[in-house]
Amino acid sequence: MFKQLLLIAFTFCSLSSYAKINELPEEFSDFSLNRDIKISYEDLDNLLEMTVIDMGMSDRSSRKSQSSIGTRMKSHRNNDTALEANRFFFEGVSKSEIKDGFHKIRVSLEKVPSEVSLNDLSLDEQLAYWLNLYNTAMVEKLIEHYPIRDTEDLLFGDDSILEDEFLTVAGYKLSLNDIQHKIVFEKFGKKKPIVMYGFYQGNIGSPNLRDEAYKGSKVYHQLVENGEEFVNSNRGMQIKRKNRLYVSKYYEQAESLFSDFESDLREHLEDYAEGQMKSDVKYAKRFKVDIEDWSITDLYGTDRDYGGSASTNPAAMLNAVVSNSAVPIGPEGSGSGIGAVNVSHITDSIMMRTMDFGRFSPEMLEKIKKLNLKRQDNSGSVEIKDLDSNN
């Protein structure tokens, strides 16, 4: 009897661990040369446009004094990086129904393989898919844990959100680390380390969250923009005390992409550095991985005075309404969050787009149908995968 129970327990453990990623599975390993099939991210574009402020390129200035944007702005311990990185409306979004949009989009993206095999997509289309799934899920998790100021323990503590296997794609339980390291870095990063700049982690010290979704048609252009912004910022790299190159600790997460970490990373930085920094990187005699900033990229997480081009961003305009509204804002008129008057039409618009949003146009669905029929003709049968089985 004991042996039978032991066998049952062993079998259960084997089945429950089946869907975990240990190496790149067949379902994610191939690709198509056909670029006709494209995933639509119109809903994600809409949501990011409303909630992200694109701060533009860093001018490498440091914060020297408190700004005048209100009493809720928090102090910042790293003056060199305080003025950098795009901002997100964590405070306002977490107190409105807009947060549900990120959850709905994440669930929708998980279901894409039920409509089309990922292997039937081009490499660029697949890369955009994984980056969008990762970043949407990351934002969802950060909203779930908000309010927070420092993200280090959330990312790397005992209950790391990076290790939480809360995603399911094509029957596989995935964590955010699985997507970054075991899928994207393994499949795309060996030859193109630029992919490392597609992973937003909620803090100033990570690559930017863009105010648009990644698209297969321009994903590498978008990644280059992120890379150029990051490298040419104080949070990416700095030259100190003459001939001493300091680089971001984020690069330690991408160490597997560089055969000789210091030499290859230095060459990479030199390629993307601008102006005098290009020469400084090349001739720096000392190299140290030392820059970090775990402060959350909440709009009210630093004391930056927003202005200039950012004022035309929809999120900035939303902030202006929040700051100047005489209507009670937030729960019980707490004076924080997105105002009850101006948020309703935004929420309704986003919810309509995310509730029943299709990832493929009718034309795309027709192409997918023909592709599936062709596969059925070639195989003689259609394989139906049980997500909870070994088959």
Protein backbone atom coordinates (compact mmCIF):
# COMPACT_ATOMS: atom_id res chain seq x y z
CA MET A 1 0.00 0.00 0.00
CA PHE A 2 2.82 2.38 0.91
CA LYS A 3 4.55 1.66 -2.42
CA GLN A 4 1.34 2.40 -4.31
CA LEU A 5 0.90 5.71 -2.51
CA LEU A 6 4.52 6.57 -3.21
CA LEU A 7 4.08 5.74 -6.90
CA ILE A 8 0.92 7.87 -7.07
CA ALA A 9 2.70 10.77 -5.38
CA PHE A 10 5.67 10.45 -7.72
CA THR A 11 3.39 10.35 -10.76
CA PHE A 12 1.48 13.41 -9.57
CA CYS A 13 4.70 15.37 -9.02
CA SER A 14 5.94 14.39 -12.48
CA LEU A 15 2.72 15.49 -14.15
CA SER A 16 2.52 18.75 -12.21
CA SER A 17 6.06 19.70 -13.20
CA TYR A 18 5.64 18.67 -16.82
CA ALA A 19 4.62 22.05 -18.13
CA LYS A 20 7.51 23.95 -16.57
CA ILE A 21 10.16 25.33 -18.90
CA ASN A 22 13.62 23.84 -18.51
CA GLU A 23 14.74 24.39 -22.08
CA LEU A 24 13.18 25.94 -25.16
CA PRO A 25 10.26 23.62 -26.04
CA GLU A 26 9.27 22.65 -29.56
CA GLU A 27 6.19 24.90 -29.41
CA PHE A 28 8.44 27.99 -29.14
CA SER A 29 11.55 26.91 -31.04
CA ASP A 30 10.67 27.27 -34.73
CA PHE A 31 9.58 30.18 -36.94
CA SER A 32 8.08 30.99 -40.32
CA LEU A 33 9.46 33.00 -43.20
CA ASN A 34 5.90 34.13 -43.93
CA ARG A 35 5.42 37.68 -42.67
CA ASP A 36 1.73 37.91 -43.57
CA ILE A 37 0.40 36.94 -40.15
CA LYS A 38 0.53 39.86 -37.74
CA ILE A 39 -0.79 40.16 -34.20
CA SER A 40 -2.81 43.30 -33.45
CA TYR A 41 -1.96 45.31 -30.31
CA GLU A 42 -4.32 48.22 -30.80
CA ASP A 43 -5.74 47.83 -27.30
CA LEU A 44 -2.30 47.75 -25.69
CA ASP A 45 -1.23 50.80 -27.71
CA ASN A 46 -4.26 52.66 -26.43
CA LEU A 47 -3.62 51.70 -22.82
CA LEU A 48 0.08 52.53 -22.83
CA GLU A 49 -0.51 55.85 -24.56
CA MET A 50 -2.84 56.87 -21.75
CA THR A 51 -0.68 55.72 -18.84
CA VAL A 52 2.97 56.27 -19.84
CA ILE A 53 4.88 59.54 -20.06
CA ASP A 54 7.75 59.37 -22.56
CA MET A 55 10.49 61.51 -21.02
CA GLY A 56 12.79 61.43 -24.03
CA MET A 57 16.57 61.14 -24.03
CA SER A 58 18.50 61.87 -20.87
CA ASP A 59 20.65 65.00 -20.78
CA ARG A 60 22.72 63.40 -17.97
CA SER A 61 21.79 66.18 -15.57
CA SER A 62 21.47 65.47 -11.85
CA ARG A 63 18.74 66.54 -9.50
CA LYS A 64 20.04 69.32 -7.30
CA SER A 65 16.92 70.62 -5.63
CA GLN A 66 13.29 69.85 -4.92
CA SER A 67 10.91 70.69 -7.77
CA SER A 68 7.59 72.47 -7.44
CA ILE A 69 5.19 69.79 -8.56
CA GLY A 70 3.35 69.36 -5.28
CA THR A 71 3.71 67.91 -1.84
CA ARG A 72 3.15 64.30 -2.87
CA MET A 73 6.46 64.07 -4.73
CA LYS A 74 8.86 61.84 -2.85
CA SER A 75 12.54 62.35 -2.20
CA HIS A 76 15.00 60.33 -4.26
CA ARG A 77 18.23 58.83 -3.01
CA ASN A 78 20.08 58.65 -6.35
CA ASN A 79 20.42 62.18 -7.67
CA ASP A 80 22.32 61.08 -10.80
CA THR A 81 19.40 59.02 -12.12
CA ALA A 82 16.40 60.73 -10.49
CA LEU A 83 15.48 62.65 -13.63
CA GLU A 84 15.61 59.67 -16.00
CA ALA A 85 13.31 56.96 -17.38
CA ASN A 86 9.72 57.07 -18.61
CA ARG A 87 7.02 57.41 -15.98
CA PHE A 88 3.82 55.44 -15.38
CA PHE A 89 0.61 56.50 -13.61
CA PHE A 90 0.79 53.78 -10.96
CA GLU A 91 -1.04 55.79 -8.34
CA GLY A 92 -3.94 56.76 -10.56
CA VAL A 93 -4.22 53.47 -12.45
CA SER A 94 -4.15 51.36 -9.29
CA LYS A 95 -7.21 53.23 -8.01
CA SER A 96 -9.28 52.96 -11.17
CA GLU A 97 -10.72 50.26 -13.40
CA ILE A 98 -7.98 50.96 -15.92
CA LYS A 99 -5.84 48.43 -14.05
CA ASP A 100 -8.20 45.69 -15.26
CA GLY A 101 -7.17 46.51 -18.82
CA PHE A 102 -3.65 45.20 -18.26
CA HIS A 103 -5.01 41.96 -16.80
CA LYS A 104 -7.43 41.45 -19.70
CA ILE A 105 -4.73 42.12 -22.29
CA ARG A 106 -2.33 39.75 -20.55
CA VAL A 107 -4.94 36.96 -20.56
CA SER A 108 -5.73 37.71 -24.20
CA LEU A 109 -2.06 37.43 -25.17
CA GLU A 110 -1.74 34.11 -23.37
CA LYS A 111 -4.50 32.75 -25.62
CA VAL A 112 -2.79 33.66 -28.92
CA PRO A 113 -1.36 30.12 -29.42
CA SER A 114 -4.92 28.76 -29.35
CA GLU A 115 -5.53 30.73 -32.56
CA VAL A 116 -2.21 30.32 -34.30
CA SER A 117 0.93 28.35 -33.52
CA LEU A 118 3.72 30.70 -32.49
CA ASN A 119 6.00 28.74 -34.81
CA ASP A 120 3.86 29.96 -37.72
CA LEU A 121 4.89 33.54 -36.97
CA SER A 122 8.03 35.24 -38.20
CA LEU A 123 10.88 35.71 -35.73
CA ASP A 124 10.20 39.44 -35.44
CA GLU A 125 6.50 38.85 -34.79
CA GLN A 126 7.35 36.28 -32.11
CA LEU A 127 9.80 38.63 -30.42
CA ALA A 128 7.23 41.42 -30.28
CA TYR A 129 4.72 38.97 -28.81
CA TRP A 130 7.01 37.85 -25.98
CA LEU A 131 8.04 41.40 -25.12
CA ASN A 132 4.44 42.61 -25.00
CA LEU A 133 3.36 39.66 -22.86
CA TYR A 134 6.27 40.21 -20.46
CA ASN A 135 5.75 43.96 -20.08
CA THR A 136 1.97 43.73 -19.76
CA ALA A 137 2.32 41.04 -17.09
CA MET A 138 5.03 43.06 -15.34
CA VAL A 139 2.83 46.16 -15.16
CA GLU A 140 -0.07 44.03 -13.91
CA LYS A 141 2.09 42.62 -11.09
CA LEU A 142 3.47 46.04 -10.13
CA ILE A 143 -0.05 47.49 -9.95
CA GLU A 144 -1.07 44.51 -7.81
CA HIS A 145 1.70 45.29 -5.27
CA TYR A 146 1.38 49.08 -5.40
CA PRO A 147 2.04 51.25 -3.41
CA ILE A 148 5.74 50.46 -3.33
CA ARG A 149 8.75 52.70 -3.66
CA ASP A 150 11.68 50.30 -3.96
CA THR A 151 11.31 47.31 -6.31
CA GLU A 152 14.45 45.32 -5.45
CA ASP A 153 12.86 42.92 -2.95
CA LEU A 154 9.78 42.56 -5.15
CA LEU A 155 11.98 41.46 -8.05
CA PHE A 156 14.64 39.44 -6.27
CA GLY A 157 13.30 38.65 -2.78
CA ASP A 158 11.94 35.37 -1.46
CA ASP A 159 8.59 35.99 -3.18
CA SER A 160 10.05 37.33 -6.42
CA ILE A 161 7.47 38.25 -9.04
CA LEU A 162 10.09 37.32 -11.64
CA GLU A 163 9.98 33.68 -10.49
CA ASP A 164 6.22 33.42 -10.03
CA GLU A 165 4.83 31.03 -12.66
CA PHE A 166 1.52 32.85 -13.14
CA LEU A 167 1.52 32.78 -16.95
CA THR A 168 0.31 29.94 -19.17
CA VAL A 169 1.26 29.87 -22.85
CA ALA A 170 0.59 26.87 -25.12
CA GLY A 171 0.16 24.69 -22.05
CA TYR A 172 3.39 25.75 -20.34
CA LYS A 173 3.54 27.46 -16.99
CA LEU A 174 5.88 30.42 -17.33
CA SER A 175 7.45 33.03 -15.11
CA LEU A 176 8.69 36.41 -16.24
CA ASN A 177 12.24 35.07 -15.91
CA ASP A 178 11.31 32.14 -18.16
CA ILE A 179 10.23 34.56 -20.89
CA GLN A 180 13.30 36.75 -20.56
CA HIS A 181 16.06 34.20 -20.06
CA LYS A 182 14.81 30.84 -21.34
CA ILE A 183 12.86 32.04 -24.36
CA VAL A 184 13.90 35.50 -25.59
CA PHE A 185 17.56 35.44 -24.57
CA GLU A 186 17.94 31.85 -25.74
CA LYS A 187 16.16 32.25 -29.07
CA PHE A 188 16.92 35.86 -30.03
CA GLY A 189 19.64 37.23 -27.79
CA LYS A 190 22.71 35.20 -28.70
CA LYS A 191 23.16 37.09 -31.96
CA LYS A 192 21.26 40.25 -31.06
CA PRO A 193 21.82 41.29 -27.42
CA ILE A 194 19.79 44.44 -28.16
CA VAL A 195 16.75 42.37 -27.06
CA MET A 196 17.75 42.98 -23.43
CA TYR A 197 16.38 46.53 -23.69
CA GLY A 198 12.82 45.25 -24.19
CA PHE A 199 12.31 44.19 -20.56
CA TYR A 200 10.85 46.85 -18.30
CA GLN A 201 11.09 45.96 -14.61
CA GLY A 202 9.26 48.81 -12.95
CA ASN A 203 12.27 50.78 -11.75
CA ILE A 204 14.36 53.68 -13.01
CA GLY A 205 17.38 51.40 -13.36
CA SER A 206 15.68 49.17 -15.95
CA PRO A 207 15.00 49.80 -19.66
CA ASN A 208 12.04 52.02 -20.46
CA LEU A 209 8.41 51.05 -20.68
CA ARG A 210 7.41 52.46 -24.05
CA ASP A 211 4.18 54.37 -24.64
CA GLU A 212 3.35 51.91 -27.43
CA ALA A 213 3.33 48.16 -27.93
CA TYR A 214 6.14 46.36 -29.71
CA LYS A 215 5.31 45.48 -33.33
CA GLY A 216 6.90 42.77 -35.44
CA SER A 217 7.33 45.22 -38.31
CA LYS A 218 9.55 47.55 -36.26
CA VAL A 219 10.53 45.68 -33.11
CA TYR A 220 14.28 46.03 -33.59
CA HIS A 221 13.93 49.73 -34.37
CA GLN A 222 12.02 50.11 -31.09
CA LEU A 223 14.67 48.13 -29.21
CA VAL A 224 17.47 50.25 -30.67
CA GLU A 225 15.65 53.37 -29.46
CA ASN A 226 15.40 51.88 -25.98
CA GLY A 227 19.05 50.84 -26.09
CA GLU A 228 20.29 54.25 -27.22
CA GLU A 229 18.27 55.98 -24.51
CA PHE A 230 19.51 53.60 -21.79
CA VAL A 231 23.20 53.60 -22.75
CA ASN A 232 23.27 57.38 -23.05
CA SER A 233 21.79 57.96 -19.62
CA ASN A 234 23.29 58.12 -16.15
CA ARG A 235 21.49 54.92 -15.22
CA GLY A 236 23.09 53.06 -18.14
CA MET A 237 26.70 54.11 -17.81
CA GLN A 238 28.86 56.90 -16.43
CA ILE A 239 32.49 57.95 -16.58
CA LYS A 240 33.87 58.97 -13.20
CA ARG A 241 37.24 60.07 -11.90
CA LYS A 242 38.76 59.98 -15.36
CA ASN A 243 39.09 56.69 -17.21
CA ARG A 244 36.70 54.81 -14.90
CA LEU A 245 33.66 53.30 -16.60
CA TYR A 246 30.68 52.52 -14.37
CA VAL A 247 27.80 50.53 -15.86
CA SER A 248 24.31 49.50 -14.80
CA LYS A 249 23.71 46.42 -12.70
CA TYR A 250 20.90 45.59 -15.11
CA TYR A 251 23.61 44.27 -17.44
CA GLU A 252 24.30 41.49 -14.95
CA GLN A 253 20.89 40.07 -15.88
CA ALA A 254 22.04 39.91 -19.50
CA GLU A 255 25.46 38.45 -18.79
CA SER A 256 24.60 35.27 -20.72
CA LEU A 257 24.40 37.34 -23.92
CA PHE A 258 28.11 38.21 -23.78
CA SER A 259 30.80 35.54 -24.19
CA ASP A 260 33.42 37.76 -22.54
CA PHE A 261 31.23 39.94 -20.33
CA GLU A 262 33.48 42.96 -19.78
CA SER A 263 35.06 43.06 -23.24
CA ASP A 264 31.87 42.37 -25.20
CA LEU A 265 29.74 44.71 -23.09
CA ARG A 266 32.28 47.49 -23.47
CA GLU A 267 32.18 47.01 -27.25
CA HIS A 268 28.37 47.05 -27.15
CA LEU A 269 28.32 50.27 -25.13
CA GLU A 270 30.80 51.90 -27.48
CA ASP A 271 28.53 51.07 -30.44
CA TYR A 272 25.54 52.84 -28.85
CA ALA A 273 27.31 55.66 -27.01
CA GLU A 274 27.05 59.15 -28.44
CA GLY A 275 29.47 62.07 -28.56
CA GLN A 276 32.44 62.11 -26.22
CA MET A 277 31.14 59.07 -24.33
CA LYS A 278 32.05 56.82 -27.27
CA SER A 279 35.72 57.66 -26.85
CA ASP A 280 35.49 57.59 -23.05
CA VAL A 281 34.12 54.05 -23.13
CA LYS A 282 36.81 52.88 -25.52
CA TYR A 283 39.72 54.23 -23.50
CA ALA A 284 38.42 53.74 -19.96
CA LYS A 285 41.01 51.79 -17.97
CA ARG A 286 38.69 50.54 -15.23
CA PHE A 287 35.32 48.84 -15.55
CA LYS A 288 32.82 48.44 -12.73
CA VAL A 289 29.21 47.21 -12.61
CA ASP A 290 27.94 49.58 -9.97
CA ILE A 291 24.96 51.73 -11.08
CA GLU A 292 21.52 50.87 -9.66
CA ASP A 293 18.24 52.65 -9.01
CA TRP A 294 15.35 50.49 -7.74
CA SER A 295 12.94 53.41 -7.34
CA ILE A 296 9.61 52.66 -9.00
CA THR A 297 8.88 54.69 -12.12
CA ASP A 298 5.70 56.07 -10.66
CA LEU A 299 4.83 59.59 -11.80
CA TYR A 300 4.93 60.63 -8.15
CA GLY A 301 7.99 58.54 -7.35
CA THR A 302 10.45 61.39 -7.96
CA ASP A 303 10.33 65.15 -7.85
CA ARG A 304 10.94 65.83 -11.53
CA ASP A 305 9.25 68.94 -12.92
CA TYR A 306 7.47 67.70 -16.03
CA GLY A 307 7.20 70.05 -18.96
CA GLY A 308 8.20 70.62 -22.55
CA SER A 309 7.21 67.88 -24.95
CA ALA A 310 5.87 65.66 -22.18
CA SER A 311 2.99 68.10 -21.65
CA THR A 312 1.38 66.98 -24.91
CA ASN A 313 1.37 63.33 -23.89
CA PRO A 314 -2.16 62.07 -23.02
CA ALA A 315 -0.88 60.85 -19.65
CA ALA A 316 0.54 64.29 -18.88
CA MET A 317 -2.74 65.93 -19.80
CA LEU A 318 -4.53 63.45 -17.57
CA ASN A 319 -2.15 64.45 -14.78
CA ALA A 320 -3.03 68.10 -15.32
CA VAL A 321 -6.69 67.26 -14.79
CA VAL A 322 -5.80 65.29 -11.66
CA SER A 323 -3.64 68.11 -10.26
CA ASN A 324 -6.12 70.91 -10.94
CA SER A 325 -9.47 69.21 -10.50
CA ALA A 326 -11.72 70.56 -7.76
CA VAL A 327 -13.60 67.28 -7.74
CA PRO A 328 -12.70 64.81 -4.96
CA ILE A 329 -10.12 62.41 -6.34
CA GLY A 330 -9.45 58.86 -5.31
CA PRO A 331 -11.29 56.82 -2.69
CA GLU A 332 -13.34 58.97 -0.30
CA GLY A 333 -11.91 62.13 -1.84
CA SER A 334 -8.41 61.39 -0.62
CA GLY A 335 -6.88 63.84 -3.05
CA SER A 336 -4.84 61.24 -4.93
CA GLY A 337 -5.41 59.11 -7.99
CA ILE A 338 -7.30 59.72 -11.20
CA GLY A 339 -10.34 61.97 -10.77
CA ALA A 340 -13.78 60.38 -10.80
CA VAL A 341 -15.07 62.91 -13.35
CA ASN A 342 -12.43 62.51 -16.03
CA VAL A 343 -11.67 58.80 -15.69
CA SER A 344 -15.03 57.36 -16.72
CA HIS A 345 -14.77 57.94 -20.47
CA ILE A 346 -11.15 56.75 -20.47
CA THR A 347 -12.05 53.59 -18.57
CA ASP A 348 -15.07 52.86 -20.78
CA SER A 349 -13.00 53.31 -23.93
CA ILE A 350 -10.24 50.99 -22.74
CA MET A 351 -12.60 48.36 -21.37
CA MET A 352 -14.51 48.23 -24.66
CA ARG A 353 -11.27 47.60 -26.51
CA THR A 354 -9.96 44.93 -24.14
CA MET A 355 -13.09 42.97 -23.26
CA ASP A 356 -13.58 41.17 -26.57
CA PHE A 357 -10.58 42.34 -28.52
CA GLY A 358 -9.45 40.05 -31.32
CA ARG A 359 -5.73 39.70 -31.94
CA PHE A 360 -6.30 39.01 -35.64
CA SER A 361 -8.29 40.79 -38.32
CA PRO A 362 -10.77 38.80 -40.43
CA GLU A 363 -8.18 38.70 -43.21
CA MET A 364 -5.56 37.33 -40.82
CA LEU A 365 -7.98 34.72 -39.50
CA GLU A 366 -8.62 33.54 -43.04
CA LYS A 367 -4.89 33.14 -43.63
CA ILE A 368 -4.51 31.27 -40.35
CA LYS A 369 -7.41 28.99 -41.32
CA LYS A 370 -5.73 28.14 -44.64
CA LEU A 371 -2.44 27.54 -42.85
CA ASN A 372 -4.08 25.13 -40.41
CA LEU A 373 -5.86 23.30 -43.22
CA LYS A 374 -2.58 22.93 -45.07
CA ARG A 375 -0.96 21.50 -41.96
CA GLN A 376 -3.88 19.11 -41.52
CA ASP A 377 -3.52 17.92 -45.11
CA ASN A 378 0.21 17.36 -44.62
CA SER A 379 -0.15 15.47 -41.36
CA GLY A 380 -3.38 13.66 -42.12
CA SER A 381 -4.80 14.58 -38.75
CA VAL A 382 -5.11 17.47 -36.38
CA GLU A 383 -3.28 17.18 -33.08
CA ILE A 384 -5.27 18.44 -30.12
CA LYS A 385 -3.05 19.15 -27.16
CA ASP A 386 -4.27 18.56 -23.63
CA LEU A 387 -2.65 21.32 -21.61
CA ASP A 388 -2.67 19.18 -18.46
CA SER A 389 -1.19 16.04 -19.98
CA ASN A 390 2.20 14.80 -21.04
CA ASN A 391 1.08 14.42 -24.66
